[in-house]
Amino acid sequence: MPHTHSHPHSHGHGHSTHRKRYKPTDFDMDKLRSTLKQFVRDWSVEGVVERNSCYEPMKDALLRHFAHVPLEERKRLRVLVPGAGLGRLAYDVASLGFTCQGNEFSHYMLLASYFILNKTTEIGAHKFYPYVHSFSNIASRQAILREVSIPDVLPSVLPPGSNFSLVAGDFEEIYGSESDPDEPQSGKWNAVLTCFFIDTAKNIVNYLRIIHRILAPGGVWVNLGPLLWHWENNNTNDPSVELDLEEVKSLASTIGFKLSNEKTIDTTYTSNAQAMLGYVYHASFWTATKVA
């Protein structure tokens, strides 16, 4: 990974003759539990249902947009997946023959994705128990103790000549500035795929401006997700902007996107399929082309 950024919730160690063992915070443990569930979603057989509902429509839209490009020429098309999480969508896009770069900020996700993508050599190599940390809404002992194996595919198996990378850091910092003369981003991406990502913005205007600017003329932006604004009512006094769905679409049009193929896709997110409670997102999907 080219570079890393410090996480705002990281904690320093005390300085003493005998270095103190780091004690995980409640925040750390919450992130650990959610990362285990992300492993289920992205890299297990059990996660196929969620992946099919989310990733398949996005990949289909990408393939339709570039249907005129022969398979052997796809690698000249650059696809960006911000908020890549554990990297499965980006990996799948690279598997289709596109040059693909994932971008992720959370060091919990980055460490886990590095492990699964670079240190795993066989299918089903790792077994873990992602549901033992919660005792609520569990139907049976078997449901809470069930084992999950990862990965369901071998991450190192990609088409010959594939170009697949994962960049660590803040989306706005990396793709929203021209600070790196060796990697100017403006107009350099043929597609941007955002899955459960745009609501992580403090200011959605910035996100959409950046996506528009980095897309090449005729480039495509494929989006799927809810609007669970991550910074709403934050306790760090960070200013944030929350728009409704119609406002987001209007903003996209104003910035220079033409939206098409709009629909609602009902999907879960890191859901325990055998639990007595589940949340379903009425996620908004669209394909947007850069027209101005």
C-alpha atoms as a PDB file:
ATOM      1  CA  MET A   1       0.000   0.000   0.000  1.00  0.00           C
ATOM      2  CA  PRO A   2       1.579   3.283  -1.087  1.00  0.00           C
ATOM      3  CA  HIS A   3       0.987   5.256   2.080  1.00  0.00           C
ATOM      4  CA  THR A   4      -0.879   5.246   5.346  1.00  0.00           C
ATOM      5  CA  HIS A   5      -2.580   7.928   7.389  1.00  0.00           C
ATOM      6  CA  SER A   6      -3.058   7.943  11.140  1.00  0.00           C
ATOM      7  CA  HIS A   7      -6.584   7.203  12.347  1.00  0.00           C
ATOM      8  CA  PRO A   8      -8.305   9.927  14.396  1.00  0.00           C
ATOM      9  CA  HIS A   9      -9.283   7.438  17.075  1.00  0.00           C
ATOM     10  CA  SER A  10      -5.831   5.911  17.591  1.00  0.00           C
ATOM     11  CA  HIS A  11      -4.368   6.068  21.060  1.00  0.00           C
ATOM     12  CA  GLY A  12      -0.776   6.572  22.133  1.00  0.00           C
ATOM     13  CA  HIS A  13       1.181   4.298  24.434  1.00  0.00           C
ATOM     14  CA  GLY A  14       2.553   5.433  27.759  1.00  0.00           C
ATOM     15  CA  HIS A  15       6.299   6.037  27.947  1.00  0.00           C
ATOM     16  CA  SER A  16       8.002   4.115  30.731  1.00  0.00           C
ATOM     17  CA  THR A  17      10.876   1.778  31.301  1.00  0.00           C
ATOM     18  CA  HIS A  18       8.552  -1.174  30.778  1.00  0.00           C
ATOM     19  CA  ARG A  19       6.221  -0.452  27.907  1.00  0.00           C
ATOM     20  CA  LYS A  20       2.628  -0.937  28.987  1.00  0.00           C
ATOM     21  CA  ARG A  21       0.515  -3.423  27.106  1.00  0.00           C
ATOM     22  CA  TYR A  22      -2.043  -1.572  25.043  1.00  0.00           C
ATOM     23  CA  LYS A  23      -5.546  -2.008  26.395  1.00  0.00           C
ATOM     24  CA  PRO A  24      -8.173  -1.997  23.638  1.00  0.00           C
ATOM     25  CA  THR A  25     -10.928   0.555  24.081  1.00  0.00           C
ATOM     26  CA  ASP A  26     -14.620  -0.091  23.616  1.00  0.00           C
ATOM     27  CA  PHE A  27     -14.256   1.658  20.259  1.00  0.00           C
ATOM     28  CA  ASP A  28     -11.471  -0.738  19.251  1.00  0.00           C
ATOM     29  CA  MET A  29     -13.527  -3.765  20.185  1.00  0.00           C
ATOM     30  CA  ASP A  30     -16.571  -2.481  18.315  1.00  0.00           C
ATOM     31  CA  LYS A  31     -14.440  -1.993  15.215  1.00  0.00           C
ATOM     32  CA  LEU A  32     -12.947  -5.463  15.630  1.00  0.00           C
ATOM     33  CA  ARG A  33     -16.400  -7.063  15.772  1.00  0.00           C
ATOM     34  CA  SER A  34     -17.548  -5.136  12.706  1.00  0.00           C
ATOM     35  CA  THR A  35     -14.375  -6.131  10.830  1.00  0.00           C
ATOM     36  CA  LEU A  36     -15.070  -9.812  11.539  1.00  0.00           C
ATOM     37  CA  LYS A  37     -18.548  -9.351  10.064  1.00  0.00           C
ATOM     38  CA  GLN A  38     -16.971  -7.644   7.059  1.00  0.00           C
ATOM     39  CA  PHE A  39     -14.892 -10.786   6.538  1.00  0.00           C
ATOM     40  CA  VAL A  40     -18.156 -12.728   6.352  1.00  0.00           C
ATOM     41  CA  ARG A  41     -19.668 -10.257   3.884  1.00  0.00           C
ATOM     42  CA  ASP A  42     -16.671  -9.962   1.562  1.00  0.00           C
ATOM     43  CA  TRP A  43     -14.755 -13.222   1.708  1.00  0.00           C
ATOM     44  CA  SER A  44     -17.039 -16.090   2.777  1.00  0.00           C
ATOM     45  CA  VAL A  45     -19.596 -18.318   1.111  1.00  0.00           C
ATOM     46  CA  GLU A  46     -22.134 -17.030   3.628  1.00  0.00           C
ATOM     47  CA  GLY A  47     -21.647 -13.505   2.268  1.00  0.00           C
ATOM     48  CA  VAL A  48     -22.659 -14.427  -1.289  1.00  0.00           C
ATOM     49  CA  VAL A  49     -26.261 -13.207  -0.860  1.00  0.00           C
ATOM     50  CA  GLU A  50     -25.197  -9.730   0.274  1.00  0.00           C
ATOM     51  CA  ARG A  51     -22.466  -9.509  -2.353  1.00  0.00           C
ATOM     52  CA  ASN A  52     -24.848 -10.523  -5.104  1.00  0.00           C
ATOM     53  CA  SER A  53     -27.381  -7.873  -4.092  1.00  0.00           C
ATOM     54  CA  CYS A  54     -24.785  -5.095  -3.909  1.00  0.00           C
ATOM     55  CA  TYR A  55     -21.761  -5.863  -6.064  1.00  0.00           C
ATOM     56  CA  GLU A  56     -23.407  -7.617  -9.010  1.00  0.00           C
ATOM     57  CA  PRO A  57     -25.584  -4.644 -10.104  1.00  0.00           C
ATOM     58  CA  MET A  58     -22.527  -2.381  -9.883  1.00  0.00           C
ATOM     59  CA  LYS A  59     -20.330  -4.699 -11.932  1.00  0.00           C
ATOM     60  CA  ASP A  60     -23.130  -5.175 -14.470  1.00  0.00           C
ATOM     61  CA  ALA A  61     -23.457  -1.393 -14.872  1.00  0.00           C
ATOM     62  CA  LEU A  62     -19.702  -1.088 -15.343  1.00  0.00           C
ATOM     63  CA  LEU A  63     -19.657  -3.812 -17.984  1.00  0.00           C
ATOM     64  CA  ARG A  64     -22.625  -2.277 -19.821  1.00  0.00           C
ATOM     65  CA  HIS A  65     -20.993   1.134 -19.920  1.00  0.00           C
ATOM     66  CA  PHE A  66     -17.828  -0.301 -21.438  1.00  0.00           C
ATOM     67  CA  ALA A  67     -19.461  -3.034 -23.522  1.00  0.00           C
ATOM     68  CA  HIS A  68     -17.762  -1.594 -26.622  1.00  0.00           C
ATOM     69  CA  VAL A  69     -14.301  -2.237 -25.152  1.00  0.00           C
ATOM     70  CA  PRO A  70     -12.873  -5.703 -25.957  1.00  0.00           C
ATOM     71  CA  LEU A  71     -11.918  -7.848 -22.979  1.00  0.00           C
ATOM     72  CA  GLU A  72      -8.230  -7.704 -23.859  1.00  0.00           C
ATOM     73  CA  GLU A  73      -8.316  -3.886 -23.734  1.00  0.00           C
ATOM     74  CA  ARG A  74     -10.108  -3.491 -20.400  1.00  0.00           C
ATOM     75  CA  LYS A  75      -6.856  -3.091 -18.492  1.00  0.00           C
ATOM     76  CA  ARG A  76      -6.410   0.367 -20.014  1.00  0.00           C
ATOM     77  CA  LEU A  77      -9.586   1.438 -18.172  1.00  0.00           C
ATOM     78  CA  ARG A  78      -8.950   2.679 -14.634  1.00  0.00           C
ATOM     79  CA  VAL A  79     -11.624   2.002 -11.999  1.00  0.00           C
ATOM     80  CA  LEU A  80     -11.563   3.511  -8.505  1.00  0.00           C
ATOM     81  CA  VAL A  81     -13.411   1.995  -5.515  1.00  0.00           C
ATOM     82  CA  PRO A  82     -13.287   4.436  -2.570  1.00  0.00           C
ATOM     83  CA  GLY A  83     -14.302   3.074   0.810  1.00  0.00           C
ATOM     84  CA  ALA A  84     -13.087  -0.318  -0.356  1.00  0.00           C
ATOM     85  CA  GLY A  85     -13.324  -1.968   3.073  1.00  0.00           C
ATOM     86  CA  LEU A  86     -11.836  -5.448   2.825  1.00  0.00           C
ATOM     87  CA  GLY A  87     -11.383  -5.110  -0.914  1.00  0.00           C
ATOM     88  CA  ARG A  88     -13.757  -7.667  -2.422  1.00  0.00           C
ATOM     89  CA  LEU A  89     -15.553  -5.340  -4.842  1.00  0.00           C
ATOM     90  CA  ALA A  90     -12.229  -3.929  -6.038  1.00  0.00           C
ATOM     91  CA  TYR A  91     -10.849  -7.462  -6.389  1.00  0.00           C
ATOM     92  CA  ASP A  92     -13.898  -8.536  -8.384  1.00  0.00           C
ATOM     93  CA  VAL A  93     -13.503  -5.553 -10.727  1.00  0.00           C
ATOM     94  CA  ALA A  94      -9.831  -6.407 -11.250  1.00  0.00           C
ATOM     95  CA  SER A  95     -10.886  -9.998 -11.928  1.00  0.00           C
ATOM     96  CA  LEU A  96     -13.003  -8.693 -14.819  1.00  0.00           C
ATOM     97  CA  GLY A  97      -9.834  -7.344 -16.415  1.00  0.00           C
ATOM     98  CA  PHE A  98     -10.044  -3.675 -15.449  1.00  0.00           C
ATOM     99  CA  THR A  99      -7.203  -1.786 -13.792  1.00  0.00           C
ATOM    100  CA  CYS A 100      -8.650  -1.236 -10.332  1.00  0.00           C
ATOM    101  CA  GLN A 101      -7.594   0.700  -7.260  1.00  0.00           C
ATOM    102  CA  GLY A 102      -9.315   0.496  -3.910  1.00  0.00           C
ATOM    103  CA  ASN A 103      -9.045   3.270  -1.329  1.00  0.00           C
ATOM    104  CA  GLU A 104      -9.639   2.828   2.392  1.00  0.00           C
ATOM    105  CA  PHE A 105      -9.068   4.983   5.467  1.00  0.00           C
ATOM    106  CA  SER A 106      -9.805   2.753   8.460  1.00  0.00           C
ATOM    107  CA  HIS A 107      -6.694   1.029   9.727  1.00  0.00           C
ATOM    108  CA  TYR A 108      -8.876  -1.784  11.067  1.00  0.00           C
ATOM    109  CA  MET A 109      -9.987  -2.486   7.497  1.00  0.00           C
ATOM    110  CA  LEU A 110      -6.521  -1.897   6.054  1.00  0.00           C
ATOM    111  CA  LEU A 111      -4.818  -4.418   8.326  1.00  0.00           C
ATOM    112  CA  ALA A 112      -7.532  -6.993   7.664  1.00  0.00           C
ATOM    113  CA  SER A 113      -7.516  -6.450   3.892  1.00  0.00           C
ATOM    114  CA  TYR A 114      -3.716  -6.677   3.765  1.00  0.00           C
ATOM    115  CA  PHE A 115      -3.928  -9.993   5.601  1.00  0.00           C
ATOM    116  CA  ILE A 116      -6.579 -11.509   3.341  1.00  0.00           C
ATOM    117  CA  LEU A 117      -5.177 -10.146   0.057  1.00  0.00           C
ATOM    118  CA  ASN A 118      -1.461 -10.655   0.619  1.00  0.00           C
ATOM    119  CA  LYS A 119      -0.999 -13.308   3.294  1.00  0.00           C
ATOM    120  CA  THR A 120      -3.604 -15.908   2.359  1.00  0.00           C
ATOM    121  CA  THR A 121      -2.507 -18.762   0.124  1.00  0.00           C
ATOM    122  CA  GLU A 122      -5.432 -21.168   0.021  1.00  0.00           C
ATOM    123  CA  ILE A 123      -9.222 -21.172  -0.056  1.00  0.00           C
ATOM    124  CA  GLY A 124     -10.789 -21.658   3.396  1.00  0.00           C
ATOM    125  CA  ALA A 125      -7.434 -21.252   5.123  1.00  0.00           C
ATOM    126  CA  HIS A 126      -8.862 -19.353   8.088  1.00  0.00           C
ATOM    127  CA  LYS A 127     -11.777 -20.289  10.309  1.00  0.00           C
ATOM    128  CA  PHE A 128     -13.358 -17.996  12.860  1.00  0.00           C
ATOM    129  CA  TYR A 129     -16.539 -17.446  14.880  1.00  0.00           C
ATOM    130  CA  PRO A 130     -17.936 -13.990  14.103  1.00  0.00           C
ATOM    131  CA  TYR A 131     -21.193 -14.282  16.058  1.00  0.00           C
ATOM    132  CA  VAL A 132     -19.997 -15.268  19.537  1.00  0.00           C
ATOM    133  CA  HIS A 133     -19.719 -11.655  20.705  1.00  0.00           C
ATOM    134  CA  SER A 134     -23.449 -10.991  20.977  1.00  0.00           C
ATOM    135  CA  PHE A 135     -26.115 -12.979  22.788  1.00  0.00           C
ATOM    136  CA  SER A 136     -29.176 -11.008  21.699  1.00  0.00           C
ATOM    137  CA  ASN A 137     -31.688 -12.251  19.135  1.00  0.00           C
ATOM    138  CA  ILE A 138     -29.978 -15.603  18.683  1.00  0.00           C
ATOM    139  CA  ALA A 139     -32.250 -18.503  17.734  1.00  0.00           C
ATOM    140  CA  SER A 140     -30.000 -21.357  18.824  1.00  0.00           C
ATOM    141  CA  ARG A 141     -26.633 -22.270  20.241  1.00  0.00           C
ATOM    142  CA  GLN A 142     -25.621 -23.533  16.799  1.00  0.00           C
ATOM    143  CA  ALA A 143     -26.334 -20.092  15.326  1.00  0.00           C
ATOM    144  CA  ILE A 144     -24.042 -18.303  17.746  1.00  0.00           C
ATOM    145  CA  LEU A 145     -21.252 -20.899  17.597  1.00  0.00           C
ATOM    146  CA  ARG A 146     -21.207 -21.523  13.873  1.00  0.00           C
ATOM    147  CA  GLU A 147     -17.881 -21.425  12.109  1.00  0.00           C
ATOM    148  CA  VAL A 148     -17.121 -19.341   9.026  1.00  0.00           C
ATOM    149  CA  SER A 149     -14.244 -20.073   6.652  1.00  0.00           C
ATOM    150  CA  ILE A 150     -12.425 -17.490   4.563  1.00  0.00           C
ATOM    151  CA  PRO A 151     -11.603 -16.812   1.835  1.00  0.00           C
ATOM    152  CA  ASP A 152     -14.039 -18.392  -0.624  1.00  0.00           C
ATOM    153  CA  VAL A 153     -11.736 -17.507  -3.538  1.00  0.00           C
ATOM    154  CA  LEU A 154      -7.971 -17.228  -3.748  1.00  0.00           C
ATOM    155  CA  PRO A 155      -7.153 -13.497  -3.763  1.00  0.00           C
ATOM    156  CA  SER A 156      -3.860 -14.032  -5.585  1.00  0.00           C
ATOM    157  CA  VAL A 157      -5.622 -15.524  -8.602  1.00  0.00           C
ATOM    158  CA  LEU A 158      -6.160 -12.682 -11.063  1.00  0.00           C
ATOM    159  CA  PRO A 159      -5.964 -12.573 -14.877  1.00  0.00           C
ATOM    160  CA  PRO A 160      -2.425 -12.303 -16.310  1.00  0.00           C
ATOM    161  CA  GLY A 161      -1.219  -8.710 -16.408  1.00  0.00           C
ATOM    162  CA  SER A 162      -3.783  -7.540 -13.866  1.00  0.00           C
ATOM    163  CA  ASN A 163      -3.301  -4.185 -12.176  1.00  0.00           C
ATOM    164  CA  PHE A 164      -4.912  -4.187  -8.735  1.00  0.00           C
ATOM    165  CA  SER A 165      -3.874  -1.890  -5.891  1.00  0.00           C
ATOM    166  CA  LEU A 166      -5.146  -0.620  -2.561  1.00  0.00           C
ATOM    167  CA  VAL A 167      -4.282   2.879  -1.369  1.00  0.00           C
ATOM    168  CA  ALA A 168      -4.488   3.811   2.303  1.00  0.00           C
ATOM    169  CA  GLY A 169      -5.660   7.254   3.290  1.00  0.00           C
ATOM    170  CA  ASP A 170      -8.443   9.816   3.289  1.00  0.00           C
ATOM    171  CA  PHE A 171     -10.413   9.991   0.028  1.00  0.00           C
ATOM    172  CA  GLU A 172     -10.523  13.783  -0.056  1.00  0.00           C
ATOM    173  CA  GLU A 173      -6.835  14.156   0.762  1.00  0.00           C
ATOM    174  CA  ILE A 174      -5.647  11.682  -1.863  1.00  0.00           C
ATOM    175  CA  TYR A 175      -8.015  12.318  -4.746  1.00  0.00           C
ATOM    176  CA  GLY A 176      -9.118  15.859  -3.960  1.00  0.00           C
ATOM    177  CA  SER A 177      -5.751  17.556  -4.310  1.00  0.00           C
ATOM    178  CA  GLU A 178      -3.030  17.752  -6.927  1.00  0.00           C
ATOM    179  CA  SER A 179      -0.240  17.664  -4.374  1.00  0.00           C
ATOM    180  CA  ASP A 180       1.456  14.657  -5.987  1.00  0.00           C
ATOM    181  CA  PRO A 181       2.867  15.724  -9.376  1.00  0.00           C
ATOM    182  CA  ASP A 182       3.512  12.093 -10.296  1.00  0.00           C
ATOM    183  CA  GLU A 183      -0.151  11.132  -9.858  1.00  0.00           C
ATOM    184  CA  PRO A 184      -2.437  13.934 -10.972  1.00  0.00           C
ATOM    185  CA  GLN A 185      -5.961  12.619 -10.487  1.00  0.00           C
ATOM    186  CA  SER A 186      -7.985  15.009 -12.616  1.00  0.00           C
ATOM    187  CA  GLY A 187      -9.626  13.196 -15.521  1.00  0.00           C
ATOM    188  CA  LYS A 188      -7.591  10.032 -14.941  1.00  0.00           C
ATOM    189  CA  TRP A 189     -10.336   7.604 -13.901  1.00  0.00           C
ATOM    190  CA  ASN A 190     -12.743   5.951 -16.296  1.00  0.00           C
ATOM    191  CA  ALA A 191     -15.097   4.772 -13.554  1.00  0.00           C
ATOM    192  CA  VAL A 192     -15.757   5.333  -9.864  1.00  0.00           C
ATOM    193  CA  LEU A 193     -17.778   2.739  -7.928  1.00  0.00           C
ATOM    194  CA  THR A 194     -19.175   3.867  -4.569  1.00  0.00           C
ATOM    195  CA  CYS A 195     -20.822   1.168  -2.461  1.00  0.00           C
ATOM    196  CA  PHE A 196     -22.149   2.273   0.943  1.00  0.00           C
ATOM    197  CA  PHE A 197     -19.680   5.152   0.731  1.00  0.00           C
ATOM    198  CA  ILE A 198     -21.072   8.594  -0.071  1.00  0.00           C
ATOM    199  CA  ASP A 199     -22.742   8.917   3.346  1.00  0.00           C
ATOM    200  CA  THR A 200     -19.318   8.805   5.009  1.00  0.00           C
ATOM    201  CA  ALA A 201     -18.796  12.391   3.817  1.00  0.00           C
ATOM    202  CA  LYS A 202     -18.645  15.325   6.190  1.00  0.00           C
ATOM    203  CA  ASN A 203     -19.553  17.425   3.163  1.00  0.00           C
ATOM    204  CA  ILE A 204     -21.186  15.512   0.312  1.00  0.00           C
ATOM    205  CA  VAL A 205     -20.548  18.458  -2.014  1.00  0.00           C
ATOM    206  CA  ASN A 206     -16.810  17.816  -1.753  1.00  0.00           C
ATOM    207  CA  TYR A 207     -17.218  14.105  -2.501  1.00  0.00           C
ATOM    208  CA  LEU A 208     -19.300  14.671  -5.625  1.00  0.00           C
ATOM    209  CA  ARG A 209     -17.026  17.427  -6.904  1.00  0.00           C
ATOM    210  CA  ILE A 210     -14.005  15.168  -6.523  1.00  0.00           C
ATOM    211  CA  ILE A 211     -15.700  12.209  -8.228  1.00  0.00           C
ATOM    212  CA  HIS A 212     -16.720  14.468 -11.106  1.00  0.00           C
ATOM    213  CA  ARG A 213     -13.273  16.018 -11.452  1.00  0.00           C
ATOM    214  CA  ILE A 214     -11.272  12.791 -11.422  1.00  0.00           C
ATOM    215  CA  LEU A 215     -13.499  11.098 -14.004  1.00  0.00           C
ATOM    216  CA  ALA A 216     -12.391  11.201 -17.617  1.00  0.00           C
ATOM    217  CA  PRO A 217     -14.814  12.695 -20.167  1.00  0.00           C
ATOM    218  CA  GLY A 218     -17.615  10.177 -20.620  1.00  0.00           C
ATOM    219  CA  GLY A 219     -16.586   8.447 -17.416  1.00  0.00           C
ATOM    220  CA  VAL A 220     -19.147   6.629 -15.296  1.00  0.00           C
ATOM    221  CA  TRP A 221     -19.990   6.819 -11.608  1.00  0.00           C
ATOM    222  CA  VAL A 222     -21.937   3.851 -10.236  1.00  0.00           C
ATOM    223  CA  ASN A 223     -23.447   4.279  -6.775  1.00  0.00           C
ATOM    224  CA  LEU A 224     -25.269   2.001  -4.364  1.00  0.00           C
ATOM    225  CA  GLY A 225     -26.102   2.730  -0.767  1.00  0.00           C
ATOM    226  CA  PRO A 226     -28.265   4.421   1.847  1.00  0.00           C
ATOM    227  CA  LEU A 227     -27.799   7.863   3.372  1.00  0.00           C
ATOM    228  CA  LEU A 228     -26.770   6.952   6.898  1.00  0.00           C
ATOM    229  CA  TRP A 229     -24.753  10.131   7.404  1.00  0.00           C
ATOM    230  CA  HIS A 230     -21.759   9.075   9.498  1.00  0.00           C
ATOM    231  CA  TRP A 231     -21.008  12.515  10.921  1.00  0.00           C
ATOM    232  CA  GLU A 232     -24.566  13.476  11.882  1.00  0.00           C
ATOM    233  CA  ASN A 233     -24.736  14.480  15.551  1.00  0.00           C
ATOM    234  CA  ASN A 234     -21.041  13.708  16.003  1.00  0.00           C
ATOM    235  CA  ASN A 235     -19.517  14.452  19.405  1.00  0.00           C
ATOM    236  CA  THR A 236     -16.305  15.955  18.009  1.00  0.00           C
ATOM    237  CA  ASN A 237     -17.881  19.213  16.824  1.00  0.00           C
ATOM    238  CA  ASP A 238     -17.029  18.435  13.208  1.00  0.00           C
ATOM    239  CA  PRO A 239     -19.311  20.393  10.873  1.00  0.00           C
ATOM    240  CA  SER A 240     -21.254  18.116   8.548  1.00  0.00           C
ATOM    241  CA  VAL A 241     -23.788  18.374   5.754  1.00  0.00           C
ATOM    242  CA  GLU A 242     -26.754  15.993   5.566  1.00  0.00           C
ATOM    243  CA  LEU A 243     -28.959  15.985   2.479  1.00  0.00           C
ATOM    244  CA  ASP A 244     -31.971  13.892   1.578  1.00  0.00           C
ATOM    245  CA  LEU A 245     -31.881  11.615  -1.466  1.00  0.00           C
ATOM    246  CA  GLU A 246     -33.595  14.061  -3.809  1.00  0.00           C
ATOM    247  CA  GLU A 247     -31.137  16.763  -2.784  1.00  0.00           C
ATOM    248  CA  VAL A 248     -28.172  14.454  -3.446  1.00  0.00           C
ATOM    249  CA  LYS A 249     -29.483  13.661  -6.930  1.00  0.00           C
ATOM    250  CA  SER A 250     -30.125  17.345  -7.650  1.00  0.00           C
ATOM    251  CA  LEU A 251     -26.619  18.194  -6.457  1.00  0.00           C
ATOM    252  CA  ALA A 252     -25.146  15.523  -8.741  1.00  0.00           C
ATOM    253  CA  SER A 253     -27.006  16.991 -11.714  1.00  0.00           C
ATOM    254  CA  THR A 254     -25.841  20.500 -10.841  1.00  0.00           C
ATOM    255  CA  ILE A 255     -22.225  19.373 -10.598  1.00  0.00           C
ATOM    256  CA  GLY A 256     -22.402  17.804 -14.060  1.00  0.00           C
ATOM    257  CA  PHE A 257     -23.715  14.241 -13.859  1.00  0.00           C
ATOM    258  CA  LYS A 258     -26.525  12.689 -15.842  1.00  0.00           C
ATOM    259  CA  LEU A 259     -28.206  10.013 -13.746  1.00  0.00           C
ATOM    260  CA  SER A 260     -29.787   6.941 -15.295  1.00  0.00           C
ATOM    261  CA  ASN A 261     -30.729   3.369 -14.405  1.00  0.00           C
ATOM    262  CA  GLU A 262     -32.096   4.611 -11.074  1.00  0.00           C
ATOM    263  CA  LYS A 263     -33.678   2.045  -8.775  1.00  0.00           C
ATOM    264  CA  THR A 264     -33.985   0.942  -5.176  1.00  0.00           C
ATOM    265  CA  ILE A 265     -32.236  -2.233  -4.079  1.00  0.00           C
ATOM    266  CA  ASP A 266     -33.213  -3.817  -0.769  1.00  0.00           C
ATOM    267  CA  THR A 267     -30.165  -5.250   0.933  1.00  0.00           C
ATOM    268  CA  THR A 268     -28.665  -6.053   4.302  1.00  0.00           C
ATOM    269  CA  TYR A 269     -25.171  -5.066   5.419  1.00  0.00           C
ATOM    270  CA  THR A 270     -23.003  -7.455   7.457  1.00  0.00           C
ATOM    271  CA  SER A 271     -26.178  -9.126   8.601  1.00  0.00           C
ATOM    272  CA  ASN A 272     -26.316 -12.334  10.614  1.00  0.00           C
ATOM    273  CA  ALA A 273     -28.586 -14.441   8.416  1.00  0.00           C
ATOM    274  CA  GLN A 274     -29.582 -16.675  11.343  1.00  0.00           C
ATOM    275  CA  ALA A 275     -30.379 -13.903  13.814  1.00  0.00           C
ATOM    276  CA  MET A 276     -33.874 -12.990  15.008  1.00  0.00           C
ATOM    277  CA  LEU A 277     -33.328  -9.365  14.011  1.00  0.00           C
ATOM    278  CA  GLY A 278     -32.068  -7.842  10.791  1.00  0.00           C
ATOM    279  CA  TYR A 279     -31.941  -4.435   9.178  1.00  0.00           C
ATOM    280  CA  VAL A 280     -32.784  -3.950   5.521  1.00  0.00           C
ATOM    281  CA  TYR A 281     -31.603  -0.873   3.659  1.00  0.00           C
ATOM    282  CA  HIS A 282     -33.687   0.488   0.804  1.00  0.00           C
ATOM    283  CA  ALA A 283     -30.459   1.412  -0.941  1.00  0.00           C
ATOM    284  CA  SER A 284     -30.435   3.842  -3.846  1.00  0.00           C
ATOM    285  CA  PHE A 285     -28.726   2.732  -7.043  1.00  0.00           C
ATOM    286  CA  TRP A 286     -27.805   4.756 -10.098  1.00  0.00           C
ATOM    287  CA  THR A 287     -25.419   4.976 -13.010  1.00  0.00           C
ATOM    288  CA  ALA A 288     -24.187   8.520 -13.669  1.00  0.00           C
ATOM    289  CA  THR A 289     -22.178   9.761 -16.642  1.00  0.00           C
ATOM    290  CA  LYS A 290     -19.974  12.837 -16.660  1.00  0.00           C
ATOM    291  CA  VAL A 291     -21.566  15.269 -19.103  1.00  0.00           C
ATOM    292  CA  ALA A 292     -20.012  18.617 -18.165  1.00  0.00           C
END
